[in-house]
Amino acid sequence: MSNNISLPIIVEVDEDGCFIVNCPSIRGCRSYGNTIDEAMANVKEAIESCLDEQSNLLDNVNKYVGVREISIENKSGFQYA
């Protein structure tokens, strides 16, 4: 029997090419990296640290539902790459 848990991770990249990773199930749990592999390793450490500090954290994690897009009028001329 595996003692692993699976948690969703959201990956973004900023204007400098830095990867930003967020675990939406654990409030405030995020990390960064110059590569996606580095960012994933860093967020894994962040999650483990959160769980070590609060052993009952898994009893209160937010349930991840998913990602959606929404369309709005672009009044400012914002360009999304």
Protein backbone atom coordinates (compact mmCIF):
# COMPACT_ATOMS: atom_id res chain seq x y z
CA MET A 1 0.00 0.00 0.00
CA SER A 2 1.38 3.39 -1.05
CA ASN A 3 1.56 6.21 1.45
CA ASN A 4 1.75 8.83 -1.33
CA ILE A 5 -0.77 11.58 -1.93
CA SER A 6 -1.35 13.39 -5.22
CA LEU A 7 -1.95 17.11 -5.21
CA PRO A 8 -2.64 19.42 -8.16
CA ILE A 9 0.06 21.89 -9.21
CA ILE A 10 -0.45 24.99 -11.33
CA VAL A 11 2.56 26.02 -13.40
CA GLU A 12 3.06 29.52 -14.82
CA VAL A 13 6.01 31.27 -16.38
CA ASP A 14 6.74 34.95 -15.81
CA GLU A 15 8.13 37.54 -18.22
CA ASP A 16 11.70 36.60 -17.24
CA GLY A 17 11.16 32.89 -17.97
CA CYS A 18 11.03 31.91 -14.29
CA PHE A 19 8.60 29.06 -13.52
CA ILE A 20 6.09 29.75 -10.77
CA VAL A 21 4.39 26.70 -9.26
CA ASN A 22 1.44 26.77 -6.91
CA CYS A 23 -0.32 24.01 -4.98
CA PRO A 24 -3.89 25.37 -4.79
CA SER A 25 -4.94 22.74 -2.25
CA ILE A 26 -2.62 24.22 0.37
CA ARG A 27 -3.15 27.95 0.84
CA GLY A 28 0.02 29.95 0.21
CA CYS A 29 2.08 26.95 -0.89
CA ARG A 30 4.12 28.00 -3.91
CA SER A 31 7.66 28.06 -5.17
CA TYR A 32 9.80 29.07 -8.12
CA GLY A 33 12.57 27.75 -10.33
CA ASN A 34 14.65 28.59 -13.38
CA THR A 35 13.52 25.34 -15.00
CA ILE A 36 10.27 23.43 -14.64
CA ASP A 37 12.15 20.54 -13.01
CA GLU A 38 13.74 22.89 -10.47
CA ALA A 39 10.37 24.52 -9.77
CA MET A 40 8.67 21.14 -9.27
CA ALA A 41 11.43 19.98 -6.90
CA ASN A 42 11.12 23.25 -4.97
CA VAL A 43 7.33 23.05 -4.64
CA LYS A 44 7.62 19.44 -3.49
CA GLU A 45 9.89 20.64 -0.68
CA ALA A 46 7.45 23.46 0.11
CA ILE A 47 4.53 21.02 0.33
CA GLU A 48 6.49 18.66 2.56
CA SER A 49 7.48 21.59 4.77
CA CYS A 50 3.84 22.72 5.06
CA LEU A 51 2.78 19.19 5.97
CA ASP A 52 5.61 18.79 8.50
CA GLU A 53 4.67 22.06 10.23
CA GLN A 54 0.97 21.25 10.35
CA SER A 55 0.43 17.51 10.62
CA ASN A 56 -3.35 17.94 10.40
CA LEU A 57 -3.13 20.07 7.26
CA LEU A 58 -4.44 17.31 5.01
CA ASP A 59 -7.67 17.30 7.01
CA ASN A 60 -8.30 20.87 5.86
CA VAL A 61 -6.96 21.11 2.30
CA ASN A 62 -9.03 22.92 -0.27
CA LYS A 63 -10.55 20.61 -2.84
CA TYR A 64 -9.12 21.50 -6.23
CA VAL A 65 -11.85 21.80 -8.84
CA GLY A 66 -9.97 22.85 -11.97
CA VAL A 67 -8.94 25.73 -14.19
CA ARG A 68 -11.33 27.67 -16.36
CA GLU A 69 -11.00 30.58 -18.74
CA ILE A 70 -13.26 33.58 -18.87
CA SER A 71 -13.70 36.05 -21.72
CA ILE A 72 -13.87 39.77 -20.95
CA GLU A 73 -13.90 42.89 -23.08
CA ASN A 74 -10.34 44.12 -23.62
CA LYS A 75 -10.81 47.86 -23.05
CA SER A 76 -7.15 48.55 -22.28
CA GLY A 77 -5.58 46.87 -25.32
CA PHE A 78 -3.75 44.36 -23.12
CA GLN A 79 -1.77 41.82 -25.16
CA TYR A 80 -1.62 38.28 -23.76
CA ALA A 81 1.27 36.26 -25.19
